[in-house]
Amino acid sequence: MRIARAARVVVAAAACGALLTSCASGSDDGSKKDDAGAGPGKSAQAGSVDLRRIPDVGDRLQSKIPKEARQVVAVYGDGEDSAKSTVVLYTKSGAKDATWDKARSWPAHNGKKGWTTDHRENDKRSPVGVFTLTDAGGVLADPGAKLPYTKSASIQAPHYWPKTHWHDFDYVIAIDYNRAKGTPPNDPTRPQGQAKGGSIWLHMDHGSGTSGCVSLSKPGMEYLLRTLDPKQHPVVVMGDKANLDA
């Protein structure tokens, strides 16, 4: 099945460049250091919040998390116009009334111009919302991903980008914003049209803002790839603090 999937992603180099523009580089400074204990959601461990909910996420987005979801990647943006954020993985047991446990946390980056509730092609902002996570891939071999993984050189970041960005797409998890589920991350299909943008991914960090994706360290990406499980219906909840808390 994976051989068949890989065969569908053979694209020309020019086309590949067009598909990847949504994750192009920015200029914001930031750390790539992993930190399993810092950042948003830390208060949840002290028992001061309702652990049946994802911490610091208001009713609007909380209600959009599917009931069957047992894994949530929360992306807490520092601010509406900030490129810095924190990624936190929450997990839940199979029990109906189980609480969310904070598994890991990493410093991260988002769109270099921040966040938007009305994402548009090339606006350099990451879309706010709740999105499923169904497909993964990258230039490197499958590290043991539980999500369907497509290894393909066609996902390679263009080498006319700065050298510091060449490994951005060594590992990728597609965020199901304006894309066809069940396809490789760089499939060009955009159900809502080209103007709404697309190719919004979790991928490896280069130390600054992106053009819409969310980036974190290589160890962080490897952990997510080996942990996110289709059977657990993983989703990402992402946005700046104000929009998340609405």
Protein backbone atom coordinates (compact mmCIF):
# COMPACT_ATOMS: atom_id res chain seq x y z
CA MET A 1 0.00 0.00 0.00
CA ARG A 2 2.83 2.40 0.87
CA ILE A 3 4.53 1.63 -2.45
CA ALA A 4 1.36 2.65 -4.22
CA ARG A 5 1.15 5.85 -2.17
CA ALA A 6 4.75 6.74 -2.96
CA ALA A 7 4.14 6.26 -6.66
CA ARG A 8 1.47 8.95 -6.61
CA VAL A 9 3.86 11.65 -5.40
CA VAL A 10 6.34 11.65 -8.28
CA VAL A 11 6.20 15.28 -9.38
CA ALA A 12 8.42 17.61 -11.38
CA ALA A 13 10.86 19.77 -9.45
CA ALA A 14 9.09 22.96 -10.47
CA ALA A 15 5.78 21.68 -9.22
CA CYS A 16 7.36 20.65 -5.96
CA GLY A 17 8.63 24.18 -5.42
CA ALA A 18 5.13 25.56 -5.93
CA LEU A 19 3.61 23.14 -3.45
CA LEU A 20 6.08 24.00 -0.70
CA THR A 21 5.75 27.79 -0.74
CA SER A 22 3.36 27.74 2.23
CA CYS A 23 6.25 26.63 4.45
CA ALA A 24 8.87 29.10 3.22
CA SER A 25 11.23 30.87 5.59
CA GLY A 26 10.86 33.93 7.75
CA SER A 27 13.20 36.10 9.82
CA ASP A 28 12.05 35.76 13.43
CA ASP A 29 14.58 34.63 16.01
CA GLY A 30 13.85 31.72 18.30
CA SER A 31 15.18 28.75 20.22
CA LYS A 32 15.09 25.16 18.96
CA LYS A 33 15.72 23.69 22.40
CA ASP A 34 13.36 20.94 23.54
CA ASP A 35 11.63 21.55 26.87
CA ALA A 36 9.26 18.89 28.16
CA GLY A 37 8.11 20.94 31.13
CA ALA A 38 7.82 24.59 30.12
CA GLY A 39 5.20 26.57 28.27
CA PRO A 40 1.41 26.69 28.16
CA GLY A 41 -0.57 23.93 29.81
CA LYS A 42 1.90 23.56 32.69
CA SER A 43 -0.73 24.70 35.19
CA ALA A 44 -2.80 21.64 34.32
CA GLN A 45 -0.37 19.47 36.24
CA ALA A 46 -1.11 21.37 39.44
CA GLY A 47 -4.78 20.39 39.38
CA SER A 48 -5.97 24.01 39.06
CA VAL A 49 -7.91 23.43 35.83
CA ASP A 50 -10.46 20.97 34.48
CA LEU A 51 -8.32 18.16 33.07
CA ARG A 52 -11.26 16.93 31.05
CA ARG A 53 -10.52 19.87 28.74
CA ILE A 54 -7.41 20.93 26.85
CA PRO A 55 -5.87 23.68 29.02
CA ASP A 56 -6.12 27.30 27.84
CA VAL A 57 -8.57 26.45 25.04
CA GLY A 58 -11.99 28.09 25.18
CA ASP A 59 -15.41 26.70 24.40
CA ARG A 60 -15.37 27.66 20.71
CA LEU A 61 -12.42 25.46 19.75
CA GLN A 62 -12.87 22.96 22.58
CA SER A 63 -16.24 22.02 21.08
CA LYS A 64 -14.61 21.27 17.73
CA ILE A 65 -12.30 18.58 19.13
CA PRO A 66 -13.86 15.27 18.03
CA LYS A 67 -15.20 13.18 20.90
CA GLU A 68 -13.22 10.19 19.65
CA ALA A 69 -9.90 12.10 19.72
CA ARG A 70 -7.42 10.66 22.24
CA GLN A 71 -4.37 12.65 21.08
CA VAL A 72 -4.26 16.44 20.74
CA VAL A 73 -1.29 18.47 19.54
CA ALA A 74 -1.90 21.95 20.96
CA VAL A 75 0.01 24.84 19.37
CA TYR A 76 -0.02 27.83 21.70
CA GLY A 77 1.04 30.95 19.80
CA ASP A 78 2.67 33.73 21.83
CA GLY A 79 0.53 36.40 20.15
CA GLU A 80 -1.52 37.23 17.08
CA ASP A 81 1.47 38.79 15.31
CA SER A 82 4.21 36.61 16.82
CA ALA A 83 6.08 33.79 15.08
CA LYS A 84 6.91 32.05 18.36
CA SER A 85 4.81 29.30 19.87
CA THR A 86 4.86 26.19 22.02
CA VAL A 87 3.72 22.72 20.95
CA VAL A 88 2.22 20.48 23.65
CA LEU A 89 1.09 16.89 23.15
CA TYR A 90 -1.88 15.80 25.26
CA THR A 91 -3.10 12.21 25.47
CA LYS A 92 -6.16 10.55 26.96
CA SER A 93 -6.90 6.96 27.90
CA GLY A 94 -9.79 5.06 26.37
CA ALA A 95 -12.13 5.73 29.28
CA LYS A 96 -15.10 7.92 28.42
CA ASP A 97 -14.55 10.31 31.33
CA ALA A 98 -10.74 10.21 31.21
CA THR A 99 -8.66 13.34 31.67
CA TRP A 100 -6.04 14.80 29.36
CA ASP A 101 -2.41 14.18 30.31
CA LYS A 102 0.40 16.45 29.18
CA ALA A 103 2.91 14.12 27.54
CA ARG A 104 5.58 16.39 26.02
CA SER A 105 6.23 20.04 25.14
CA TRP A 106 8.56 21.77 22.64
CA PRO A 107 9.44 25.34 21.66
CA ALA A 108 8.15 25.97 18.15
CA HIS A 109 7.51 28.52 15.41
CA ASN A 110 4.47 29.40 13.33
CA GLY A 111 3.83 31.80 10.46
CA LYS A 112 6.30 34.67 10.52
CA LYS A 113 3.44 37.23 10.60
CA GLY A 114 1.53 35.32 13.27
CA TRP A 115 -2.00 33.89 13.13
CA THR A 116 -5.29 34.39 11.27
CA THR A 117 -8.85 33.10 11.40
CA ASP A 118 -9.12 33.67 7.63
CA HIS A 119 -5.97 32.18 6.13
CA ARG A 120 -5.15 33.18 2.55
CA GLU A 121 -2.46 32.04 0.14
CA ASN A 122 0.91 33.64 0.94
CA ASP A 123 -0.36 35.73 3.88
CA LYS A 124 2.51 34.37 6.00
CA ARG A 125 0.12 33.58 8.87
CA SER A 126 -0.87 30.23 10.34
CA PRO A 127 -4.57 29.29 10.35
CA VAL A 128 -6.38 29.19 13.69
CA GLY A 129 -8.53 26.13 14.27
CA VAL A 130 -8.90 22.44 14.99
CA PHE A 131 -7.67 20.11 12.23
CA THR A 132 -7.23 16.37 11.93
CA LEU A 133 -3.81 14.74 11.43
CA THR A 134 -4.00 11.81 9.01
CA ASP A 135 -0.87 11.71 6.82
CA ALA A 136 2.88 12.08 7.16
CA GLY A 137 6.00 11.87 5.06
CA GLY A 138 9.38 13.37 4.38
CA VAL A 139 12.69 13.17 2.61
CA LEU A 140 14.09 10.79 5.23
CA ALA A 141 13.11 7.17 5.70
CA ASP A 142 10.11 6.34 7.87
CA PRO A 143 11.30 6.65 11.52
CA GLY A 144 8.58 4.31 12.73
CA ALA A 145 5.55 6.51 12.10
CA LYS A 146 2.11 5.20 12.96
CA LEU A 147 0.44 7.60 10.54
CA PRO A 148 0.70 6.56 6.85
CA TYR A 149 4.18 7.77 5.82
CA THR A 150 5.34 8.69 2.32
CA LYS A 151 9.10 8.92 1.76
CA SER A 152 9.77 10.99 -1.34
CA ALA A 153 12.49 13.27 -2.69
CA SER A 154 9.68 15.40 -4.13
CA ILE A 155 9.07 16.77 -0.63
CA GLN A 156 12.63 18.17 -0.48
CA ALA A 157 12.85 21.90 0.28
CA PRO A 158 14.07 23.79 -2.82
CA HIS A 159 17.79 24.46 -2.78
CA TYR A 160 17.32 28.05 -3.88
CA TRP A 161 16.12 28.57 -0.28
CA PRO A 162 18.80 29.40 2.32
CA LYS A 163 20.87 26.35 3.23
CA THR A 164 19.57 26.56 6.80
CA HIS A 165 16.12 25.59 5.45
CA TRP A 166 17.11 22.61 3.29
CA HIS A 167 16.12 20.08 5.94
CA ASP A 168 12.78 21.62 6.88
CA PHE A 169 10.85 18.78 5.26
CA ASP A 170 12.98 15.84 6.28
CA TYR A 171 9.96 14.95 8.43
CA VAL A 172 6.45 16.27 7.82
CA ILE A 173 3.00 15.75 9.33
CA ALA A 174 0.26 17.22 7.16
CA ILE A 175 -2.28 19.42 8.93
CA ASP A 176 -5.66 18.77 7.32
CA TYR A 177 -6.33 22.38 6.38
CA ASN A 178 -7.69 22.65 2.83
CA ARG A 179 -6.26 19.32 1.71
CA ALA A 180 -7.46 15.86 0.70
CA LYS A 181 -7.07 13.38 3.54
CA GLY A 182 -5.44 10.05 2.75
CA THR A 183 -2.92 11.56 0.33
CA PRO A 184 0.80 12.39 0.67
CA PRO A 185 1.53 15.72 2.39
CA ASN A 186 2.48 17.45 -0.88
CA ASP A 187 -0.63 16.40 -2.80
CA PRO A 188 -1.78 19.65 -4.52
CA THR A 189 -5.53 19.12 -4.05
CA ARG A 190 -7.18 22.07 -2.29
CA PRO A 191 -10.91 21.47 -1.82
CA GLN A 192 -11.63 25.09 -0.78
CA GLY A 193 -9.69 26.54 -3.70
CA GLN A 194 -6.19 27.94 -4.20
CA ALA A 195 -6.97 31.30 -2.60
CA LYS A 196 -7.50 29.66 0.81
CA GLY A 197 -3.91 28.43 0.84
CA GLY A 198 -2.68 24.99 1.80
CA SER A 199 0.39 22.83 2.43
CA ILE A 200 0.17 23.65 6.14
CA TRP A 201 2.38 21.15 7.94
CA LEU A 202 4.15 20.30 11.14
CA HIS A 203 7.80 20.10 10.09
CA MET A 204 11.35 20.57 11.29
CA ASP A 205 12.42 23.93 12.65
CA HIS A 206 15.06 26.20 11.17
CA GLY A 207 15.02 28.70 14.04
CA SER A 208 12.59 31.31 12.70
CA GLY A 209 9.02 31.85 11.49
CA THR A 210 7.47 30.02 8.54
CA SER A 211 4.98 31.01 5.87
CA GLY A 212 2.11 29.26 7.64
CA CYS A 213 3.38 25.93 8.95
CA VAL A 214 4.30 24.98 12.52
CA SER A 215 7.91 23.90 13.06
CA LEU A 216 9.68 22.15 15.91
CA SER A 217 12.91 20.25 16.54
CA LYS A 218 13.88 17.00 14.83
CA PRO A 219 13.56 15.02 18.10
CA GLY A 220 10.11 16.55 18.55
CA MET A 221 9.03 15.55 15.06
CA GLU A 222 10.38 12.02 15.56
CA TYR A 223 8.47 11.73 18.82
CA LEU A 224 5.22 12.87 17.25
CA LEU A 225 5.65 10.58 14.25
CA ARG A 226 6.23 7.57 16.49
CA THR A 227 3.38 8.51 18.83
CA LEU A 228 0.46 9.90 16.81
CA ASP A 229 -1.76 6.95 16.01
CA PRO A 230 -4.70 6.91 13.54
CA LYS A 231 -6.53 4.65 16.01
CA GLN A 232 -6.40 7.52 18.54
CA HIS A 233 -7.86 10.05 16.04
CA PRO A 234 -5.18 12.74 16.54
CA VAL A 235 -5.96 16.40 15.92
CA VAL A 236 -4.12 19.68 16.20
CA VAL A 237 -5.59 22.69 18.03
CA MET A 238 -3.66 25.78 17.00
CA GLY A 239 -3.74 29.55 17.35
CA ASP A 240 -2.60 32.56 19.30
CA LYS A 241 -3.51 32.85 22.98
CA ALA A 242 -6.47 35.18 22.45
CA ASN A 243 -8.08 33.09 19.73
CA LEU A 244 -7.45 29.83 21.56
CA ASP A 245 -9.08 31.15 24.69
CA ALA A 246 -12.16 32.60 22.91
